[in-house]
Amino acid sequence: RFLAARYCRPDAKYGRITHWIIHN
């Protein structure tokens, strides 16, 4: 939730994450 709140902002202040690859 912290990562999504930071990197899914309309102003992209810190950048944007569009896709989330879960583990490897």
mmCIF file of all heavy atoms, coordinates in Angstrom:
data_MODEL
# 
_entry.id   MODEL 
# 
loop_
_atom_site.group_PDB 
_atom_site.id 
_atom_site.type_symbol 
_atom_site.label_atom_id 
_atom_site.label_alt_id 
_atom_site.label_comp_id 
_atom_site.label_asym_id 
_atom_site.label_entity_id 
_atom_site.label_seq_id 
_atom_site.pdbx_PDB_ins_code 
_atom_site.Cartn_x 
_atom_site.Cartn_y 
_atom_site.Cartn_z 
_atom_site.occupancy 
_atom_site.B_iso_or_equiv 
_atom_site.pdbx_formal_charge 
_atom_site.auth_seq_id 
_atom_site.auth_comp_id 
_atom_site.auth_asym_id 
_atom_site.auth_atom_id 
_atom_site.pdbx_PDB_model_num 
ATOM 1   N N   . ARG A 1 1  ? 0.838  -1.207  0.000   1.00 0.00 ? 1  ARG A N   1 
ATOM 2   C CA  . ARG A 1 1  ? 0.000  0.000   0.000   1.00 0.00 ? 1  ARG A CA  1 
ATOM 3   C C   . ARG A 1 1  ? 0.870  1.253   0.000   1.00 0.00 ? 1  ARG A C   1 
ATOM 4   O O   . ARG A 1 1  ? 0.543  2.248   -0.658  1.00 0.00 ? 1  ARG A O   1 
ATOM 5   C CB  . ARG A 1 1  ? -0.949 -0.009  1.203   1.00 0.00 ? 1  ARG A CB  1 
ATOM 6   C CG  . ARG A 1 1  ? -2.037 -1.062  1.109   1.00 0.00 ? 1  ARG A CG  1 
ATOM 7   C CD  . ARG A 1 1  ? -2.888 -1.100  2.368   1.00 0.00 ? 1  ARG A CD  1 
ATOM 8   N NE  . ARG A 1 1  ? -3.849 -0.011  2.414   1.00 0.00 ? 1  ARG A NE  1 
ATOM 9   C CZ  . ARG A 1 1  ? -5.081 -0.066  1.918   1.00 0.00 ? 1  ARG A CZ  1 
ATOM 10  N NH1 . ARG A 1 1  ? -5.501 -1.164  1.299   1.00 0.00 ? 1  ARG A NH1 1 
ATOM 11  N NH2 . ARG A 1 1  ? -5.892 0.952   2.024   1.00 0.00 ? 1  ARG A NH2 1 
ATOM 12  N N   . PHE A 1 2  ? 1.979  1.216   0.736   1.00 0.00 ? 2  PHE A N   1 
ATOM 13  C CA  . PHE A 1 2  ? 2.886  2.361   0.734   1.00 0.00 ? 2  PHE A CA  1 
ATOM 14  C C   . PHE A 1 2  ? 3.435  2.602   -0.671  1.00 0.00 ? 2  PHE A C   1 
ATOM 15  O O   . PHE A 1 2  ? 3.450  3.732   -1.169  1.00 0.00 ? 2  PHE A O   1 
ATOM 16  C CB  . PHE A 1 2  ? 4.040  2.131   1.706   1.00 0.00 ? 2  PHE A CB  1 
ATOM 17  C CG  . PHE A 1 2  ? 5.116  3.180   1.615   1.00 0.00 ? 2  PHE A CG  1 
ATOM 18  C CD1 . PHE A 1 2  ? 4.988  4.383   2.295   1.00 0.00 ? 2  PHE A CD1 1 
ATOM 19  C CD2 . PHE A 1 2  ? 6.248  2.979   0.829   1.00 0.00 ? 2  PHE A CD2 1 
ATOM 20  C CE1 . PHE A 1 2  ? 5.967  5.372   2.180   1.00 0.00 ? 2  PHE A CE1 1 
ATOM 21  C CE2 . PHE A 1 2  ? 7.230  3.941   0.706   1.00 0.00 ? 2  PHE A CE2 1 
ATOM 22  C CZ  . PHE A 1 2  ? 7.089  5.150   1.394   1.00 0.00 ? 2  PHE A CZ  1 
ATOM 23  N N   . LEU A 1 3  ? 3.897  1.532   -1.325  1.00 0.00 ? 3  LEU A N   1 
ATOM 24  C CA  . LEU A 1 3  ? 4.446  1.675   -2.673  1.00 0.00 ? 3  LEU A CA  1 
ATOM 25  C C   . LEU A 1 3  ? 3.391  2.171   -3.656  1.00 0.00 ? 3  LEU A C   1 
ATOM 26  O O   . LEU A 1 3  ? 3.665  3.047   -4.494  1.00 0.00 ? 3  LEU A O   1 
ATOM 27  C CB  . LEU A 1 3  ? 5.025  0.342   -3.137  1.00 0.00 ? 3  LEU A CB  1 
ATOM 28  C CG  . LEU A 1 3  ? 6.280  -0.155  -2.402  1.00 0.00 ? 3  LEU A CG  1 
ATOM 29  C CD1 . LEU A 1 3  ? 6.605  -1.579  -2.826  1.00 0.00 ? 3  LEU A CD1 1 
ATOM 30  C CD2 . LEU A 1 3  ? 7.462  0.770   -2.660  1.00 0.00 ? 3  LEU A CD2 1 
ATOM 31  N N   . ALA A 1 4  ? 2.191  1.624   -3.563  1.00 0.00 ? 4  ALA A N   1 
ATOM 32  C CA  . ALA A 1 4  ? 1.125  2.048   -4.476  1.00 0.00 ? 4  ALA A CA  1 
ATOM 33  C C   . ALA A 1 4  ? 0.738  3.505   -4.234  1.00 0.00 ? 4  ALA A C   1 
ATOM 34  O O   . ALA A 1 4  ? 0.511  4.265   -5.191  1.00 0.00 ? 4  ALA A O   1 
ATOM 35  C CB  . ALA A 1 4  ? -0.090 1.136   -4.326  1.00 0.00 ? 4  ALA A CB  1 
ATOM 36  N N   . ALA A 1 5  ? 0.656  3.906   -2.981  1.00 0.00 ? 5  ALA A N   1 
ATOM 37  C CA  . ALA A 1 5  ? 0.299  5.292   -2.676  1.00 0.00 ? 5  ALA A CA  1 
ATOM 38  C C   . ALA A 1 5  ? 1.349  6.266   -3.211  1.00 0.00 ? 5  ALA A C   1 
ATOM 39  O O   . ALA A 1 5  ? 1.022  7.353   -3.702  1.00 0.00 ? 5  ALA A O   1 
ATOM 40  C CB  . ALA A 1 5  ? 0.152  5.464   -1.166  1.00 0.00 ? 5  ALA A CB  1 
ATOM 41  N N   . ARG A 1 6  ? 2.614  5.857   -3.162  1.00 0.00 ? 6  ARG A N   1 
ATOM 42  C CA  . ARG A 1 6  ? 3.699  6.735   -3.589  1.00 0.00 ? 6  ARG A CA  1 
ATOM 43  C C   . ARG A 1 6  ? 3.849  6.766   -5.111  1.00 0.00 ? 6  ARG A C   1 
ATOM 44  O O   . ARG A 1 6  ? 4.120  7.838   -5.690  1.00 0.00 ? 6  ARG A O   1 
ATOM 45  C CB  . ARG A 1 6  ? 5.013  6.273   -2.950  1.00 0.00 ? 6  ARG A CB  1 
ATOM 46  C CG  . ARG A 1 6  ? 6.195  7.238   -3.135  1.00 0.00 ? 6  ARG A CG  1 
ATOM 47  C CD  . ARG A 1 6  ? 7.408  6.729   -2.383  1.00 0.00 ? 6  ARG A CD  1 
ATOM 48  N NE  . ARG A 1 6  ? 8.522  7.661   -2.385  1.00 0.00 ? 6  ARG A NE  1 
ATOM 49  C CZ  . ARG A 1 6  ? 8.721  8.636   -1.495  1.00 0.00 ? 6  ARG A CZ  1 
ATOM 50  N NH1 . ARG A 1 6  ? 7.823  8.812   -0.533  1.00 0.00 ? 6  ARG A NH1 1 
ATOM 51  N NH2 . ARG A 1 6  ? 9.771  9.430   -1.561  1.00 0.00 ? 6  ARG A NH2 1 
ATOM 52  N N   . TYR A 1 7  ? 3.658  5.623   -5.744  1.00 0.00 ? 7  TYR A N   1 
ATOM 53  C CA  . TYR A 1 7  ? 3.971  5.509   -7.166  1.00 0.00 ? 7  TYR A CA  1 
ATOM 54  C C   . TYR A 1 7  ? 2.746  5.355   -8.058  1.00 0.00 ? 7  TYR A C   1 
ATOM 55  O O   . TYR A 1 7  ? 2.885  4.992   -9.233  1.00 0.00 ? 7  TYR A O   1 
ATOM 56  C CB  . TYR A 1 7  ? 4.949  4.354   -7.381  1.00 0.00 ? 7  TYR A CB  1 
ATOM 57  C CG  . TYR A 1 7  ? 6.265  4.570   -6.659  1.00 0.00 ? 7  TYR A CG  1 
ATOM 58  C CD1 . TYR A 1 7  ? 6.686  3.693   -5.657  1.00 0.00 ? 7  TYR A CD1 1 
ATOM 59  C CD2 . TYR A 1 7  ? 7.079  5.654   -6.965  1.00 0.00 ? 7  TYR A CD2 1 
ATOM 60  C CE1 . TYR A 1 7  ? 7.878  3.886   -4.984  1.00 0.00 ? 7  TYR A CE1 1 
ATOM 61  C CE2 . TYR A 1 7  ? 8.275  5.865   -6.294  1.00 0.00 ? 7  TYR A CE2 1 
ATOM 62  C CZ  . TYR A 1 7  ? 8.668  4.980   -5.298  1.00 0.00 ? 7  TYR A CZ  1 
ATOM 63  O OH  . TYR A 1 7  ? 9.861  5.188   -4.626  1.00 0.00 ? 7  TYR A OH  1 
ATOM 64  N N   . CYS A 1 8  ? 1.576  5.653   -7.527  1.00 0.00 ? 8  CYS A N   1 
ATOM 65  C CA  . CYS A 1 8  ? 0.355  5.683   -8.334  1.00 0.00 ? 8  CYS A CA  1 
ATOM 66  C C   . CYS A 1 8  ? -0.377 6.997   -8.080  1.00 0.00 ? 8  CYS A C   1 
ATOM 67  O O   . CYS A 1 8  ? -1.583 7.024   -7.837  1.00 0.00 ? 8  CYS A O   1 
ATOM 68  C CB  . CYS A 1 8  ? -0.550 4.483   -8.022  1.00 0.00 ? 8  CYS A CB  1 
ATOM 69  S SG  . CYS A 1 8  ? 0.162  2.883   -8.398  1.00 0.00 ? 8  CYS A SG  1 
ATOM 70  N N   . ARG A 1 9  ? 0.355  8.077   -8.132  1.00 0.00 ? 9  ARG A N   1 
ATOM 71  C CA  . ARG A 1 9  ? -0.208 9.408   -7.903  1.00 0.00 ? 9  ARG A CA  1 
ATOM 72  C C   . ARG A 1 9  ? -0.502 10.087  -9.239  1.00 0.00 ? 9  ARG A C   1 
ATOM 73  O O   . ARG A 1 9  ? 0.230  9.904   -10.215 1.00 0.00 ? 9  ARG A O   1 
ATOM 74  C CB  . ARG A 1 9  ? 0.786  10.272  -7.130  1.00 0.00 ? 9  ARG A CB  1 
ATOM 75  C CG  . ARG A 1 9  ? 1.057  9.830   -5.716  1.00 0.00 ? 9  ARG A CG  1 
ATOM 76  C CD  . ARG A 1 9  ? 2.275  10.562  -5.149  1.00 0.00 ? 9  ARG A CD  1 
ATOM 77  N NE  . ARG A 1 9  ? 2.194  12.008  -5.300  1.00 0.00 ? 9  ARG A NE  1 
ATOM 78  C CZ  . ARG A 1 9  ? 2.227  12.886  -4.281  1.00 0.00 ? 9  ARG A CZ  1 
ATOM 79  N NH1 . ARG A 1 9  ? 2.322  12.441  -3.035  1.00 0.00 ? 9  ARG A NH1 1 
ATOM 80  N NH2 . ARG A 1 9  ? 2.178  14.172  -4.507  1.00 0.00 ? 9  ARG A NH2 1 
ATOM 81  N N   . PRO A 1 10 ? -1.554 10.902  -9.288  1.00 0.00 ? 10 PRO A N   1 
ATOM 82  C CA  . PRO A 1 10 ? -1.845 11.624  -10.541 1.00 0.00 ? 10 PRO A CA  1 
ATOM 83  C C   . PRO A 1 10 ? -0.719 12.548  -10.975 1.00 0.00 ? 10 PRO A C   1 
ATOM 84  O O   . PRO A 1 10 ? -0.501 12.741  -12.176 1.00 0.00 ? 10 PRO A O   1 
ATOM 85  C CB  . PRO A 1 10 ? -3.108 12.425  -10.193 1.00 0.00 ? 10 PRO A CB  1 
ATOM 86  C CG  . PRO A 1 10 ? -3.752 11.662  -9.080  1.00 0.00 ? 10 PRO A CG  1 
ATOM 87  C CD  . PRO A 1 10 ? -2.622 11.081  -8.282  1.00 0.00 ? 10 PRO A CD  1 
ATOM 88  N N   . ASP A 1 11 ? 0.034  13.123  -10.013 1.00 0.00 ? 11 ASP A N   1 
ATOM 89  C CA  . ASP A 1 11 ? 1.111  14.037  -10.382 1.00 0.00 ? 11 ASP A CA  1 
ATOM 90  C C   . ASP A 1 11 ? 2.437  13.326  -10.626 1.00 0.00 ? 11 ASP A C   1 
ATOM 91  O O   . ASP A 1 11 ? 3.421  13.972  -11.026 1.00 0.00 ? 11 ASP A O   1 
ATOM 92  C CB  . ASP A 1 11 ? 1.297  15.120  -9.313  1.00 0.00 ? 11 ASP A CB  1 
ATOM 93  C CG  . ASP A 1 11 ? 1.679  14.556  -7.943  1.00 0.00 ? 11 ASP A CG  1 
ATOM 94  O OD1 . ASP A 1 11 ? 1.861  13.320  -7.829  1.00 0.00 ? 11 ASP A OD1 1 
ATOM 95  O OD2 . ASP A 1 11 ? 1.791  15.345  -6.989  1.00 0.00 ? 11 ASP A OD2 1 
ATOM 96  N N   . ALA A 1 12 ? 2.475  11.999  -10.412 1.00 0.00 ? 12 ALA A N   1 
ATOM 97  C CA  . ALA A 1 12 ? 3.708  11.214  -10.610 1.00 0.00 ? 12 ALA A CA  1 
ATOM 98  C C   . ALA A 1 12 ? 4.904  11.886  -9.957  1.00 0.00 ? 12 ALA A C   1 
ATOM 99  O O   . ALA A 1 12 ? 6.021  11.881  -10.496 1.00 0.00 ? 12 ALA A O   1 
ATOM 100 C CB  . ALA A 1 12 ? 3.953  10.973  -12.093 1.00 0.00 ? 12 ALA A CB  1 
ATOM 101 N N   . LYS A 1 13 ? 4.696  12.443  -8.764  1.00 0.00 ? 13 LYS A N   1 
ATOM 102 C CA  . LYS A 1 13 ? 5.747  13.190  -8.072  1.00 0.00 ? 13 LYS A CA  1 
ATOM 103 C C   . LYS A 1 13 ? 7.014  12.363  -7.905  1.00 0.00 ? 13 LYS A C   1 
ATOM 104 O O   . LYS A 1 13 ? 8.134  12.885  -8.024  1.00 0.00 ? 13 LYS A O   1 
ATOM 105 C CB  . LYS A 1 13 ? 5.223  13.654  -6.705  1.00 0.00 ? 13 LYS A CB  1 
ATOM 106 C CG  . LYS A 1 13 ? 6.242  14.424  -5.881  1.00 0.00 ? 13 LYS A CG  1 
ATOM 107 C CD  . LYS A 1 13 ? 5.655  14.879  -4.551  1.00 0.00 ? 13 LYS A CD  1 
ATOM 108 C CE  . LYS A 1 13 ? 6.692  15.628  -3.722  1.00 0.00 ? 13 LYS A CE  1 
ATOM 109 N NZ  . LYS A 1 13 ? 6.123  16.080  -2.420  1.00 0.00 ? 13 LYS A NZ  1 
ATOM 110 N N   . TYR A 1 14 ? 6.864  11.088  -7.592  1.00 0.00 ? 14 TYR A N   1 
ATOM 111 C CA  . TYR A 1 14 ? 8.022  10.217  -7.361  1.00 0.00 ? 14 TYR A CA  1 
ATOM 112 C C   . TYR A 1 14 ? 8.222  9.217   -8.499  1.00 0.00 ? 14 TYR A C   1 
ATOM 113 O O   . TYR A 1 14 ? 9.059  8.313   -8.396  1.00 0.00 ? 14 TYR A O   1 
ATOM 114 C CB  . TYR A 1 14 ? 7.844  9.449   -6.048  1.00 0.00 ? 14 TYR A CB  1 
ATOM 115 C CG  . TYR A 1 14 ? 7.621  10.345  -4.859  1.00 0.00 ? 14 TYR A CG  1 
ATOM 116 C CD1 . TYR A 1 14 ? 6.352  10.484  -4.296  1.00 0.00 ? 14 TYR A CD1 1 
ATOM 117 C CD2 . TYR A 1 14 ? 8.669  11.070  -4.296  1.00 0.00 ? 14 TYR A CD2 1 
ATOM 118 C CE1 . TYR A 1 14 ? 6.148  11.311  -3.205  1.00 0.00 ? 14 TYR A CE1 1 
ATOM 119 C CE2 . TYR A 1 14 ? 8.475  11.904  -3.206  1.00 0.00 ? 14 TYR A CE2 1 
ATOM 120 C CZ  . TYR A 1 14 ? 7.201  12.021  -2.663  1.00 0.00 ? 14 TYR A CZ  1 
ATOM 121 O OH  . TYR A 1 14 ? 7.007  12.846  -1.580  1.00 0.00 ? 14 TYR A OH  1 
ATOM 122 N N   . GLY A 1 15 ? 7.449  9.361   -9.577  1.00 0.00 ? 15 GLY A N   1 
ATOM 123 C CA  . GLY A 1 15 ? 7.453  8.370   -10.644 1.00 0.00 ? 15 GLY A CA  1 
ATOM 124 C C   . GLY A 1 15 ? 6.205  7.511   -10.568 1.00 0.00 ? 15 GLY A C   1 
ATOM 125 O O   . GLY A 1 15 ? 5.375  7.662   -9.670  1.00 0.00 ? 15 GLY A O   1 
ATOM 126 N N   . ARG A 1 16 ? 6.084  6.621   -11.503 1.00 0.00 ? 16 ARG A N   1 
ATOM 127 C CA  . ARG A 1 16 ? 4.862  5.814   -11.613 1.00 0.00 ? 16 ARG A CA  1 
ATOM 128 C C   . ARG A 1 16 ? 5.215  4.344   -11.818 1.00 0.00 ? 16 ARG A C   1 
ATOM 129 O O   . ARG A 1 16 ? 6.097  4.013   -12.623 1.00 0.00 ? 16 ARG A O   1 
ATOM 130 C CB  . ARG A 1 16 ? 4.042  6.329   -12.805 1.00 0.00 ? 16 ARG A CB  1 
ATOM 131 C CG  . ARG A 1 16 ? 2.812  5.503   -13.180 1.00 0.00 ? 16 ARG A CG  1 
ATOM 132 C CD  . ARG A 1 16 ? 1.585  5.955   -12.425 1.00 0.00 ? 16 ARG A CD  1 
ATOM 133 N NE  . ARG A 1 16 ? 0.437  5.119   -12.807 1.00 0.00 ? 16 ARG A NE  1 
ATOM 134 C CZ  . ARG A 1 16 ? -0.411 5.400   -13.808 1.00 0.00 ? 16 ARG A CZ  1 
ATOM 135 N NH1 . ARG A 1 16 ? -0.249 6.498   -14.531 1.00 0.00 ? 16 ARG A NH1 1 
ATOM 136 N NH2 . ARG A 1 16 ? -1.425 4.594   -14.082 1.00 0.00 ? 16 ARG A NH2 1 
ATOM 137 N N   . ILE A 1 17 ? 4.554  3.479   -11.075 1.00 0.00 ? 17 ILE A N   1 
ATOM 138 C CA  . ILE A 1 17 ? 4.608  2.041   -11.333 1.00 0.00 ? 17 ILE A CA  1 
ATOM 139 C C   . ILE A 1 17 ? 3.289  1.652   -11.964 1.00 0.00 ? 17 ILE A C   1 
ATOM 140 O O   . ILE A 1 17 ? 2.218  1.882   -11.390 1.00 0.00 ? 17 ILE A O   1 
ATOM 141 C CB  . ILE A 1 17 ? 4.847  1.229   -10.042 1.00 0.00 ? 17 ILE A CB  1 
ATOM 142 C CG1 . ILE A 1 17 ? 6.244  1.524   -9.466  1.00 0.00 ? 17 ILE A CG1 1 
ATOM 143 C CG2 . ILE A 1 17 ? 4.709  -0.267  -10.310 1.00 0.00 ? 17 ILE A CG2 1 
ATOM 144 C CD1 . ILE A 1 17 ? 6.503  0.885   -8.110  1.00 0.00 ? 17 ILE A CD1 1 
ATOM 145 N N   . THR A 1 18 ? 3.355  1.059   -13.147 1.00 0.00 ? 18 THR A N   1 
ATOM 146 C CA  . THR A 1 18 ? 2.151  0.635   -13.867 1.00 0.00 ? 18 THR A CA  1 
ATOM 147 C C   . THR A 1 18 ? 1.872  -0.842  -13.650 1.00 0.00 ? 18 THR A C   1 
ATOM 148 O O   . THR A 1 18 ? 0.730  -1.248  -13.469 1.00 0.00 ? 18 THR A O   1 
ATOM 149 C CB  . THR A 1 18 ? 2.314  0.935   -15.370 1.00 0.00 ? 18 THR A CB  1 
ATOM 150 O OG1 . THR A 1 18 ? 2.432  2.353   -15.542 1.00 0.00 ? 18 THR A OG1 1 
ATOM 151 C CG2 . THR A 1 18 ? 1.118  0.435   -16.177 1.00 0.00 ? 18 THR A CG2 1 
ATOM 152 N N   . HIS A 1 19 ? 2.929  -1.658  -13.681 1.00 0.00 ? 19 HIS A N   1 
ATOM 153 C CA  . HIS A 1 19 ? 2.790  -3.107  -13.566 1.00 0.00 ? 19 HIS A CA  1 
ATOM 154 C C   . HIS A 1 19 ? 3.549  -3.603  -12.332 1.00 0.00 ? 19 HIS A C   1 
ATOM 155 O O   . HIS A 1 19 ? 4.619  -3.079  -12.000 1.00 0.00 ? 19 HIS A O   1 
ATOM 156 C CB  . HIS A 1 19 ? 3.336  -3.815  -14.808 1.00 0.00 ? 19 HIS A CB  1 
ATOM 157 C CG  . HIS A 1 19 ? 2.624  -3.466  -16.071 1.00 0.00 ? 19 HIS A CG  1 
ATOM 158 N ND1 . HIS A 1 19 ? 1.251  -3.392  -16.164 1.00 0.00 ? 19 HIS A ND1 1 
ATOM 159 C CD2 . HIS A 1 19 ? 3.086  -3.177  -17.324 1.00 0.00 ? 19 HIS A CD2 1 
ATOM 160 C CE1 . HIS A 1 19 ? 0.901  -3.073  -17.395 1.00 0.00 ? 19 HIS A CE1 1 
ATOM 161 N NE2 . HIS A 1 19 ? 1.999  -2.935  -18.116 1.00 0.00 ? 19 HIS A NE2 1 
ATOM 162 N N   . TRP A 1 20 ? 3.005  -4.650  -11.723 1.00 0.00 ? 20 TRP A N   1 
ATOM 163 C CA  . TRP A 1 20 ? 3.577  -5.206  -10.497 1.00 0.00 ? 20 TRP A CA  1 
ATOM 164 C C   . TRP A 1 20 ? 3.845  -6.697  -10.727 1.00 0.00 ? 20 TRP A C   1 
ATOM 165 O O   . TRP A 1 20 ? 2.913  -7.494  -10.798 1.00 0.00 ? 20 TRP A O   1 
ATOM 166 C CB  . TRP A 1 20 ? 2.615  -5.004  -9.321  1.00 0.00 ? 20 TRP A CB  1 
ATOM 167 C CG  . TRP A 1 20 ? 2.217  -3.564  -9.129  1.00 0.00 ? 20 TRP A CG  1 
ATOM 168 C CD1 . TRP A 1 20 ? 1.287  -2.862  -9.847  1.00 0.00 ? 20 TRP A CD1 1 
ATOM 169 C CD2 . TRP A 1 20 ? 2.765  -2.644  -8.179  1.00 0.00 ? 20 TRP A CD2 1 
ATOM 170 N NE1 . TRP A 1 20 ? 1.206  -1.562  -9.393  1.00 0.00 ? 20 TRP A NE1 1 
ATOM 171 C CE2 . TRP A 1 20 ? 2.101  -1.399  -8.364  1.00 0.00 ? 20 TRP A CE2 1 
ATOM 172 C CE3 . TRP A 1 20 ? 3.730  -2.749  -7.179  1.00 0.00 ? 20 TRP A CE3 1 
ATOM 173 C CZ2 . TRP A 1 20 ? 2.387  -0.284  -7.596  1.00 0.00 ? 20 TRP A CZ2 1 
ATOM 174 C CZ3 . TRP A 1 20 ? 4.014  -1.638  -6.404  1.00 0.00 ? 20 TRP A CZ3 1 
ATOM 175 C CH2 . TRP A 1 20 ? 3.353  -0.412  -6.612  1.00 0.00 ? 20 TRP A CH2 1 
ATOM 176 N N   . ILE A 1 21 ? 5.116  -7.044  -10.874 1.00 0.00 ? 21 ILE A N   1 
ATOM 177 C CA  . ILE A 1 21 ? 5.520  -8.434  -11.081 1.00 0.00 ? 21 ILE A CA  1 
ATOM 178 C C   . ILE A 1 21 ? 5.801  -9.038  -9.707  1.00 0.00 ? 21 ILE A C   1 
ATOM 179 O O   . ILE A 1 21 ? 6.657  -8.543  -8.971  1.00 0.00 ? 21 ILE A O   1 
ATOM 180 C CB  . ILE A 1 21 ? 6.751  -8.514  -11.987 1.00 0.00 ? 21 ILE A CB  1 
ATOM 181 C CG1 . ILE A 1 21 ? 6.433  -7.892  -13.356 1.00 0.00 ? 21 ILE A CG1 1 
ATOM 182 C CG2 . ILE A 1 21 ? 7.223  -9.956  -12.140 1.00 0.00 ? 21 ILE A CG2 1 
ATOM 183 C CD1 . ILE A 1 21 ? 7.651  -7.701  -14.237 1.00 0.00 ? 21 ILE A CD1 1 
ATOM 184 N N   . ILE A 1 22 ? 5.064  -10.088 -9.370  1.00 0.00 ? 22 ILE A N   1 
ATOM 185 C CA  . ILE A 1 22 ? 5.087  -10.584 -7.998  1.00 0.00 ? 22 ILE A CA  1 
ATOM 186 C C   . ILE A 1 22 ? 6.035  -11.776 -7.868  1.00 0.00 ? 22 ILE A C   1 
ATOM 187 O O   . ILE A 1 22 ? 5.776  -12.871 -8.352  1.00 0.00 ? 22 ILE A O   1 
ATOM 188 C CB  . ILE A 1 22 ? 3.659  -10.940 -7.530  1.00 0.00 ? 22 ILE A CB  1 
ATOM 189 C CG1 . ILE A 1 22 ? 2.740  -9.730  -7.744  1.00 0.00 ? 22 ILE A CG1 1 
ATOM 190 C CG2 . ILE A 1 22 ? 3.665  -11.384 -6.078  1.00 0.00 ? 22 ILE A CG2 1 
ATOM 191 C CD1 . ILE A 1 22 ? 3.237  -8.415  -7.112  1.00 0.00 ? 22 ILE A CD1 1 
ATOM 192 N N   . HIS A 1 23 ? 7.163  -11.480 -7.226  1.00 0.00 ? 23 HIS A N   1 
ATOM 193 C CA  . HIS A 1 23 ? 8.237  -12.434 -6.971  1.00 0.00 ? 23 HIS A CA  1 
ATOM 194 C C   . HIS A 1 23 ? 8.936  -12.803 -8.286  1.00 0.00 ? 23 HIS A C   1 
ATOM 195 O O   . HIS A 1 23 ? 8.716  -12.169 -9.318  1.00 0.00 ? 23 HIS A O   1 
ATOM 196 C CB  . HIS A 1 23 ? 7.728  -13.641 -6.204  1.00 0.00 ? 23 HIS A CB  1 
ATOM 197 C CG  . HIS A 1 23 ? 6.864  -13.296 -5.022  1.00 0.00 ? 23 HIS A CG  1 
ATOM 198 N ND1 . HIS A 1 23 ? 7.028  -12.144 -4.281  1.00 0.00 ? 23 HIS A ND1 1 
ATOM 199 C CD2 . HIS A 1 23 ? 5.809  -13.940 -4.447  1.00 0.00 ? 23 HIS A CD2 1 
ATOM 200 C CE1 . HIS A 1 23 ? 6.126  -12.102 -3.310  1.00 0.00 ? 23 HIS A CE1 1 
ATOM 201 N NE2 . HIS A 1 23 ? 5.367  -13.177 -3.395  1.00 0.00 ? 23 HIS A NE2 1 
ATOM 202 N N   . ASN A 1 24 ? 9.771  -13.803 -8.247  1.00 0.00 ? 24 ASN A N   1 
ATOM 203 C CA  . ASN A 1 24 ? 10.579 -14.144 -9.425  1.00 0.00 ? 24 ASN A CA  1 
ATOM 204 C C   . ASN A 1 24 ? 10.560 -15.640 -9.686  1.00 0.00 ? 24 ASN A C   1 
ATOM 205 O O   . ASN A 1 24 ? 10.790 -16.437 -8.774  1.00 0.00 ? 24 ASN A O   1 
ATOM 206 C CB  . ASN A 1 24 ? 12.029 -13.693 -9.212  1.00 0.00 ? 24 ASN A CB  1 
ATOM 207 C CG  . ASN A 1 24 ? 12.881 -13.903 -10.441 1.00 0.00 ? 24 ASN A CG  1 
ATOM 208 O OD1 . ASN A 1 24 ? 12.536 -13.448 -11.530 1.00 0.00 ? 24 ASN A OD1 1 
ATOM 209 N ND2 . ASN A 1 24 ? 13.997 -14.604 -10.295 1.00 0.00 ? 24 ASN A ND2 1 
# 
